[in-house]
Amino acid sequence: MKIEILGTGCVKCNKLEDMVKLAIRETGIEAEIGHVHDIKKIMEYGVMTTPALVIDGEVKAAGKIPPLEEIKKLLGSK
């Protein structure tokens, strides 16, 4: 599974990344995590507000930090 956090490095973007890492640890899911800071690449996903969570190329959440349990469900939906 490939997970990308879209955001320019703001506090919320970094918090989302931390939450995703925690969800991965707690669920034991194998995943590669990346953080996309480039605004042009972020816009290629059609995301206009960050932070955003992308799982295997599909935007799952944008403009908010989902609760930990929701992140776990999103990770498990693949």
PDB file of N, CA and C in Angstrom:
ATOM      1  N   MET A   1       0.842  -1.162   0.000  1.00  0.00           N
ATOM      2  CA  MET A   1       0.000   0.000   0.000  1.00  0.00           C
ATOM      3  C   MET A   1       0.897   1.237   0.000  1.00  0.00           C
ATOM      4  N   LYS A   2       0.517   2.220  -0.806  1.00  0.00           N
ATOM      5  CA  LYS A   2       1.272   3.472  -0.868  1.00  0.00           C
ATOM      6  C   LYS A   2       0.384   4.580  -0.322  1.00  0.00           C
ATOM      7  N   ILE A   3       0.888   5.273   0.679  1.00  0.00           N
ATOM      8  CA  ILE A   3       0.155   6.359   1.312  1.00  0.00           C
ATOM      9  C   ILE A   3       0.928   7.645   1.100  1.00  0.00           C
ATOM     10  N   GLU A   4       0.207   8.689   0.707  1.00  0.00           N
ATOM     11  CA  GLU A   4       0.824  10.001   0.544  1.00  0.00           C
ATOM     12  C   GLU A   4       0.045  11.021   1.364  1.00  0.00           C
ATOM     13  N   ILE A   5       0.791  11.872   2.036  1.00  0.00           N
ATOM     14  CA  ILE A   5       0.223  13.004   2.734  1.00  0.00           C
ATOM     15  C   ILE A   5       0.501  14.204   1.844  1.00  0.00           C
ATOM     16  N   LEU A   6      -0.544  14.924   1.483  1.00  0.00           N
ATOM     17  CA  LEU A   6      -0.380  16.108   0.644  1.00  0.00           C
ATOM     18  C   LEU A   6      -0.451  17.339   1.527  1.00  0.00           C
ATOM     19  N   GLY A   7       0.579  18.157   1.459  1.00  0.00           N
ATOM     20  CA  GLY A   7       0.603  19.385   2.245  1.00  0.00           C
ATOM     21  C   GLY A   7       1.975  20.011   2.214  1.00  0.00           C
ATOM     22  N   THR A   8       2.005  21.299   2.413  1.00  0.00           N
ATOM     23  CA  THR A   8       3.247  22.048   2.265  1.00  0.00           C
ATOM     24  C   THR A   8       4.155  21.988   3.486  1.00  0.00           C
ATOM     25  N   GLY A   9       3.737  21.255   4.510  1.00  0.00           N
ATOM     26  CA  GLY A   9       4.572  21.131   5.701  1.00  0.00           C
ATOM     27  C   GLY A   9       4.020  21.895   6.885  1.00  0.00           C
ATOM     28  N   CYS A  10       2.765  22.287   6.829  1.00  0.00           N
ATOM     29  CA  CYS A  10       2.142  23.019   7.932  1.00  0.00           C
ATOM     30  C   CYS A  10       1.912  22.076   9.117  1.00  0.00           C
ATOM     31  N   VAL A  11       1.518  22.628  10.229  1.00  0.00           N
ATOM     32  CA  VAL A  11       1.289  21.858  11.448  1.00  0.00           C
ATOM     33  C   VAL A  11       0.236  20.779  11.219  1.00  0.00           C
ATOM     34  N   LYS A  12      -0.862  21.116  10.537  1.00  0.00           N
ATOM     35  CA  LYS A  12      -1.927  20.142  10.291  1.00  0.00           C
ATOM     36  C   LYS A  12      -1.448  19.003   9.397  1.00  0.00           C
ATOM     37  N   CYS A  13      -0.653  19.321   8.397  1.00  0.00           N
ATOM     38  CA  CYS A  13      -0.132  18.292   7.487  1.00  0.00           C
ATOM     39  C   CYS A  13       0.774  17.326   8.246  1.00  0.00           C
ATOM     40  N   ASN A  14       1.624  17.869   9.092  1.00  0.00           N
ATOM     41  CA  ASN A  14       2.519  17.027   9.877  1.00  0.00           C
ATOM     42  C   ASN A  14       1.738  16.190  10.886  1.00  0.00           C
ATOM     43  N   LYS A  15       0.673  16.743  11.443  1.00  0.00           N
ATOM     44  CA  LYS A  15      -0.164  15.991  12.391  1.00  0.00           C
ATOM     45  C   LYS A  15      -0.841  14.824  11.676  1.00  0.00           C
ATOM     46  N   LEU A  16      -1.340  15.067  10.452  1.00  0.00           N
ATOM     47  CA  LEU A  16      -1.959  13.986   9.688  1.00  0.00           C
ATOM     48  C   LEU A  16      -0.946  12.873   9.443  1.00  0.00           C
ATOM     49  N   GLU A  17       0.269  13.236   9.090  1.00  0.00           N
ATOM     50  CA  GLU A  17       1.305  12.231   8.857  1.00  0.00           C
ATOM     51  C   GLU A  17       1.553  11.420  10.131  1.00  0.00           C
ATOM     52  N   ASP A  18       1.633  12.096  11.272  1.00  0.00           N
ATOM     53  CA  ASP A  18       1.828  11.396  12.541  1.00  0.00           C
ATOM     54  C   ASP A  18       0.668  10.451  12.841  1.00  0.00           C
ATOM     55  N   MET A  19      -0.556  10.897  12.566  1.00  0.00           N
ATOM     56  CA  MET A  19      -1.743  10.077  12.815  1.00  0.00           C
ATOM     57  C   MET A  19      -1.742   8.843  11.914  1.00  0.00           C
ATOM     58  N   VAL A  20      -1.348   9.007  10.663  1.00  0.00           N
ATOM     59  CA  VAL A  20      -1.295   7.880   9.729  1.00  0.00           C
ATOM     60  C   VAL A  20      -0.246   6.872  10.192  1.00  0.00           C
ATOM     61  N   LYS A  21       0.905   7.365  10.625  1.00  0.00           N
ATOM     62  CA  LYS A  21       1.953   6.467  11.121  1.00  0.00           C
ATOM     63  C   LYS A  21       1.462   5.690  12.345  1.00  0.00           C
ATOM     64  N   LEU A  22       0.730   6.364  13.226  1.00  0.00           N
ATOM     65  CA  LEU A  22       0.176   5.698  14.407  1.00  0.00           C
ATOM     66  C   LEU A  22      -0.836   4.629  13.991  1.00  0.00           C
ATOM     67  N   ALA A  23      -1.700   4.965  13.041  1.00  0.00           N
ATOM     68  CA  ALA A  23      -2.702   4.005  12.559  1.00  0.00           C
ATOM     69  C   ALA A  23      -2.032   2.779  11.957  1.00  0.00           C
ATOM     70  N   ILE A  24      -0.960   2.986  11.229  1.00  0.00           N
ATOM     71  CA  ILE A  24      -0.230   1.868  10.620  1.00  0.00           C
ATOM     72  C   ILE A  24       0.387   0.985  11.705  1.00  0.00           C
ATOM     73  N   ARG A  25       0.988   1.618  12.695  1.00  0.00           N
ATOM     74  CA  ARG A  25       1.582   0.845  13.802  1.00  0.00           C
ATOM     75  C   ARG A  25       0.507   0.037  14.526  1.00  0.00           C
ATOM     76  N   GLU A  26      -0.619   0.663  14.805  1.00  0.00           N
ATOM     77  CA  GLU A  26      -1.669  -0.007  15.572  1.00  0.00           C
ATOM     78  C   GLU A  26      -2.364  -1.120  14.794  1.00  0.00           C
ATOM     79  N   THR A  27      -2.420  -1.003  13.474  1.00  0.00           N
ATOM     80  CA  THR A  27      -3.102  -2.013  12.669  1.00  0.00           C
ATOM     81  C   THR A  27      -2.151  -3.053  12.098  1.00  0.00           C
ATOM     82  N   GLY A  28      -0.857  -2.749  12.082  1.00  0.00           N
ATOM     83  CA  GLY A  28       0.114  -3.689  11.542  1.00  0.00           C
ATOM     84  C   GLY A  28       0.117  -3.758  10.025  1.00  0.00           C
ATOM     85  N   ILE A  29      -0.480  -2.779   9.383  1.00  0.00           N
ATOM     86  CA  ILE A  29      -0.540  -2.744   7.917  1.00  0.00           C
ATOM     87  C   ILE A  29       0.838  -2.399   7.354  1.00  0.00           C
ATOM     88  N   GLU A  30       1.202  -3.073   6.272  1.00  0.00           N
ATOM     89  CA  GLU A  30       2.444  -2.771   5.551  1.00  0.00           C
ATOM     90  C   GLU A  30       2.148  -1.618   4.597  1.00  0.00           C
ATOM     91  N   ALA A  31       2.897  -0.535   4.714  1.00  0.00           N
ATOM     92  CA  ALA A  31       2.652   0.617   3.844  1.00  0.00           C
ATOM     93  C   ALA A  31       3.914   1.444   3.683  1.00  0.00           C
ATOM     94  N   GLU A  32       3.981   2.087   2.538  1.00  0.00           N
ATOM     95  CA  GLU A  32       5.043   3.047   2.245  1.00  0.00           C
ATOM     96  C   GLU A  32       4.403   4.429   2.379  1.00  0.00           C
ATOM     97  N   ILE A  33       5.014   5.295   3.178  1.00  0.00           N
ATOM     98  CA  ILE A  33       4.451   6.631   3.406  1.00  0.00           C
ATOM     99  C   ILE A  33       5.348   7.681   2.790  1.00  0.00           C
ATOM    100  N   GLY A  34       4.734   8.616   2.073  1.00  0.00           N
ATOM    101  CA  GLY A  34       5.455   9.742   1.512  1.00  0.00           C
ATOM    102  C   GLY A  34       4.714  11.026   1.828  1.00  0.00           C
ATOM    103  N   HIS A  35       5.430  12.138   1.803  1.00  0.00           N
ATOM    104  CA  HIS A  35       4.823  13.448   2.053  1.00  0.00           C
ATOM    105  C   HIS A  35       5.108  14.315   0.833  1.00  0.00           C
ATOM    106  N   VAL A  36       4.050  14.719   0.144  1.00  0.00           N
ATOM    107  CA  VAL A  36       4.180  15.543  -1.065  1.00  0.00           C
ATOM    108  C   VAL A  36       4.043  17.004  -0.660  1.00  0.00           C
ATOM    109  N   HIS A  37       5.127  17.762  -0.842  1.00  0.00           N
ATOM    110  CA  HIS A  37       5.138  19.175  -0.479  1.00  0.00           C
ATOM    111  C   HIS A  37       4.921  20.099  -1.684  1.00  0.00           C
ATOM    112  N   ASP A  38       5.188  19.593  -2.871  1.00  0.00           N
ATOM    113  CA  ASP A  38       5.126  20.407  -4.095  1.00  0.00           C
ATOM    114  C   ASP A  38       3.682  20.744  -4.439  1.00  0.00           C
ATOM    115  N   ILE A  39       3.363  22.025  -4.457  1.00  0.00           N
ATOM    116  CA  ILE A  39       1.988  22.481  -4.687  1.00  0.00           C
ATOM    117  C   ILE A  39       1.460  22.049  -6.060  1.00  0.00           C
ATOM    118  N   LYS A  40       2.315  21.994  -7.050  1.00  0.00           N
ATOM    119  CA  LYS A  40       1.879  21.561  -8.385  1.00  0.00           C
ATOM    120  C   LYS A  40       1.465  20.093  -8.369  1.00  0.00           C
ATOM    121  N   LYS A  41       2.238  19.268  -7.674  1.00  0.00           N
ATOM    122  CA  LYS A  41       1.889  17.848  -7.578  1.00  0.00           C
ATOM    123  C   LYS A  41       0.616  17.660  -6.764  1.00  0.00           C
ATOM    124  N   ILE A  42       0.456  18.474  -5.723  1.00  0.00           N
ATOM    125  CA  ILE A  42      -0.767  18.406  -4.916  1.00  0.00           C
ATOM    126  C   ILE A  42      -1.971  18.736  -5.785  1.00  0.00           C
ATOM    127  N   MET A  43      -1.856  19.746  -6.607  1.00  0.00           N
ATOM    128  CA  MET A  43      -2.962  20.162  -7.472  1.00  0.00           C
ATOM    129  C   MET A  43      -3.278  19.113  -8.533  1.00  0.00           C
ATOM    130  N   GLU A  44      -2.292  18.300  -8.918  1.00  0.00           N
ATOM    131  CA  GLU A  44      -2.536  17.227  -9.886  1.00  0.00           C
ATOM    132  C   GLU A  44      -3.553  16.216  -9.358  1.00  0.00           C
ATOM    133  N   TYR A  45      -3.657  16.117  -8.048  1.00  0.00           N
ATOM    134  CA  TYR A  45      -4.653  15.234  -7.432  1.00  0.00           C
ATOM    135  C   TYR A  45      -6.029  15.898  -7.371  1.00  0.00           C
ATOM    136  N   GLY A  46      -6.116  17.168  -7.744  1.00  0.00           N
ATOM    137  CA  GLY A  46      -7.378  17.885  -7.673  1.00  0.00           C
ATOM    138  C   GLY A  46      -7.671  18.399  -6.274  1.00  0.00           C
ATOM    139  N   VAL A  47      -6.669  18.384  -5.420  1.00  0.00           N
ATOM    140  CA  VAL A  47      -6.830  18.835  -4.039  1.00  0.00           C
ATOM    141  C   VAL A  47      -6.593  20.336  -3.966  1.00  0.00           C
ATOM    142  N   MET A  48      -7.575  21.034  -3.382  1.00  0.00           N
ATOM    143  CA  MET A  48      -7.458  22.484  -3.254  1.00  0.00           C
ATOM    144  C   MET A  48      -7.194  22.909  -1.808  1.00  0.00           C
ATOM    145  N   THR A  49      -7.492  22.028  -0.854  1.00  0.00           N
ATOM    146  CA  THR A  49      -7.224  22.333   0.552  1.00  0.00           C
ATOM    147  C   THR A  49      -6.457  21.176   1.179  1.00  0.00           C
ATOM    148  N   THR A  50      -5.469  21.527   1.959  1.00  0.00           N
ATOM    149  CA  THR A  50      -4.657  20.520   2.626  1.00  0.00           C
ATOM    150  C   THR A  50      -4.910  20.602   4.124  1.00  0.00           C
ATOM    151  N   PRO A  51      -4.589  19.578   4.841  1.00  0.00           N
ATOM    152  CA  PRO A  51      -3.899  18.372   4.427  1.00  0.00           C
ATOM    153  C   PRO A  51      -4.824  17.423   3.678  1.00  0.00           C
ATOM    154  N   ALA A  52      -4.228  16.514   2.941  1.00  0.00           N
ATOM    155  CA  ALA A  52      -5.005  15.499   2.229  1.00  0.00           C
ATOM    156  C   ALA A  52      -4.318  14.152   2.397  1.00  0.00           C
ATOM    157  N   LEU A  53      -5.133  13.110   2.397  1.00  0.00           N
ATOM    158  CA  LEU A  53      -4.655  11.749   2.544  1.00  0.00           C
ATOM    159  C   LEU A  53      -4.959  10.995   1.260  1.00  0.00           C
ATOM    160  N   VAL A  54      -3.902  10.430   0.658  1.00  0.00           N
ATOM    161  CA  VAL A  54      -4.042   9.670  -0.585  1.00  0.00           C
ATOM    162  C   VAL A  54      -3.582   8.244  -0.312  1.00  0.00           C
ATOM    163  N   ILE A  55      -4.437   7.290  -0.655  1.00  0.00           N
ATOM    164  CA  ILE A  55      -4.099   5.877  -0.484  1.00  0.00           C
ATOM    165  C   ILE A  55      -4.156   5.211  -1.849  1.00  0.00           C
ATOM    166  N   ASP A  56      -3.030   4.660  -2.267  1.00  0.00           N
ATOM    167  CA  ASP A  56      -2.913   3.998  -3.572  1.00  0.00           C
ATOM    168  C   ASP A  56      -3.462   4.862  -4.700  1.00  0.00           C
ATOM    169  N   GLY A  57      -3.094   6.155  -4.680  1.00  0.00           N
ATOM    170  CA  GLY A  57      -3.455   7.069  -5.755  1.00  0.00           C
ATOM    171  C   GLY A  57      -4.836   7.674  -5.669  1.00  0.00           C
ATOM    172  N   GLU A  58      -5.614   7.316  -4.655  1.00  0.00           N
ATOM    173  CA  GLU A  58      -6.976   7.824  -4.513  1.00  0.00           C
ATOM    174  C   GLU A  58      -7.078   8.742  -3.296  1.00  0.00           C
ATOM    175  N   VAL A  59      -7.586   9.963  -3.520  1.00  0.00           N
ATOM    176  CA  VAL A  59      -7.761  10.911  -2.419  1.00  0.00           C
ATOM    177  C   VAL A  59      -8.883  10.402  -1.517  1.00  0.00           C
ATOM    178  N   LYS A  60      -8.560  10.179  -0.244  1.00  0.00           N
ATOM    179  CA  LYS A  60      -9.526   9.656   0.727  1.00  0.00           C
ATOM    180  C   LYS A  60     -10.055  10.740   1.655  1.00  0.00           C
ATOM    181  N   ALA A  61      -9.262  11.785   1.881  1.00  0.00           N
ATOM    182  CA  ALA A  61      -9.687  12.886   2.749  1.00  0.00           C
ATOM    183  C   ALA A  61      -8.908  14.129   2.353  1.00  0.00           C
ATOM    184  N   ALA A  62      -9.568  15.280   2.415  1.00  0.00           N
ATOM    185  CA  ALA A  62      -8.894  16.534   2.079  1.00  0.00           C
ATOM    186  C   ALA A  62      -9.460  17.664   2.931  1.00  0.00           C
ATOM    187  N   GLY A  63      -8.573  18.552   3.339  1.00  0.00           N
ATOM    188  CA  GLY A  63      -8.983  19.726   4.091  1.00  0.00           C
ATOM    189  C   GLY A  63      -9.275  19.475   5.557  1.00  0.00           C
ATOM    190  N   LYS A  64      -8.932  18.276   6.045  1.00  0.00           N
ATOM    191  CA  LYS A  64      -9.188  17.960   7.451  1.00  0.00           C
ATOM    192  C   LYS A  64      -8.258  16.850   7.905  1.00  0.00           C
ATOM    193  N   ILE A  65      -8.218  16.665   9.208  1.00  0.00           N
ATOM    194  CA  ILE A  65      -7.496  15.544   9.788  1.00  0.00           C
ATOM    195  C   ILE A  65      -8.555  14.579  10.308  1.00  0.00           C
ATOM    196  N   PRO A  66      -8.741  13.466   9.618  1.00  0.00           N
ATOM    197  CA  PRO A  66      -9.742  12.499  10.084  1.00  0.00           C
ATOM    198  C   PRO A  66      -9.348  11.927  11.447  1.00  0.00           C
ATOM    199  N   PRO A  67     -10.329  11.544  12.254  1.00  0.00           N
ATOM    200  CA  PRO A  67     -10.012  10.891  13.523  1.00  0.00           C
ATOM    201  C   PRO A  67      -9.235   9.589  13.279  1.00  0.00           C
ATOM    202  N   LEU A  68      -8.487   9.155  14.271  1.00  0.00           N
ATOM    203  CA  LEU A  68      -7.649   7.968  14.146  1.00  0.00           C
ATOM    204  C   LEU A  68      -8.442   6.754  13.678  1.00  0.00           C
ATOM    205  N   GLU A  69      -9.621   6.534  14.243  1.00  0.00           N
ATOM    206  CA  GLU A  69     -10.429   5.362  13.870  1.00  0.00           C
ATOM    207  C   GLU A  69     -10.855   5.427  12.395  1.00  0.00           C
ATOM    208  N   GLU A  70     -11.131   6.618  11.905  1.00  0.00           N
ATOM    209  CA  GLU A  70     -11.492   6.770  10.489  1.00  0.00           C
ATOM    210  C   GLU A  70     -10.299   6.462   9.586  1.00  0.00           C
ATOM    211  N   ILE A  71      -9.130   6.916  10.004  1.00  0.00           N
ATOM    212  CA  ILE A  71      -7.914   6.628   9.238  1.00  0.00           C
ATOM    213  C   ILE A  71      -7.691   5.124   9.172  1.00  0.00           C
ATOM    214  N   LYS A  72      -7.884   4.442  10.281  1.00  0.00           N
ATOM    215  CA  LYS A  72      -7.731   2.981  10.306  1.00  0.00           C
ATOM    216  C   LYS A  72      -8.708   2.323   9.337  1.00  0.00           C
ATOM    217  N   LYS A  73      -9.945   2.797   9.309  1.00  0.00           N
ATOM    218  CA  LYS A  73     -10.950   2.238   8.393  1.00  0.00           C
ATOM    219  C   LYS A  73     -10.527   2.494   6.941  1.00  0.00           C
ATOM    220  N   LEU A  74     -10.031   3.687   6.654  1.00  0.00           N
ATOM    221  CA  LEU A  74      -9.587   4.000   5.297  1.00  0.00           C
ATOM    222  C   LEU A  74      -8.430   3.100   4.885  1.00  0.00           C
ATOM    223  N   LEU A  75      -7.533   2.832   5.788  1.00  0.00           N
ATOM    224  CA  LEU A  75      -6.404   1.952   5.491  1.00  0.00           C
ATOM    225  C   LEU A  75      -6.864   0.517   5.281  1.00  0.00           C
ATOM    226  N   GLY A  76      -7.849   0.117   6.008  1.00  0.00           N
ATOM    227  CA  GLY A  76      -8.359  -1.252   5.904  1.00  0.00           C
ATOM    228  C   GLY A  76      -9.269  -1.479   4.734  1.00  0.00           C
ATOM    229  N   SER A  77      -9.689  -0.396   4.078  1.00  0.00           N
ATOM    230  CA  SER A  77     -10.639  -0.523   2.969  1.00  0.00           C
ATOM    231  C   SER A  77      -9.976  -0.958   1.681  1.00  0.00           C
ATOM    232  N   LYS A  78      -8.670  -1.095   1.693  1.00  0.00           N
ATOM    233  CA  LYS A  78      -7.950  -1.502   0.474  1.00  0.00           C
ATOM    234  C   LYS A  78      -7.779  -2.988   0.442  1.00  0.00           C
TER     235      LYS A  78
END
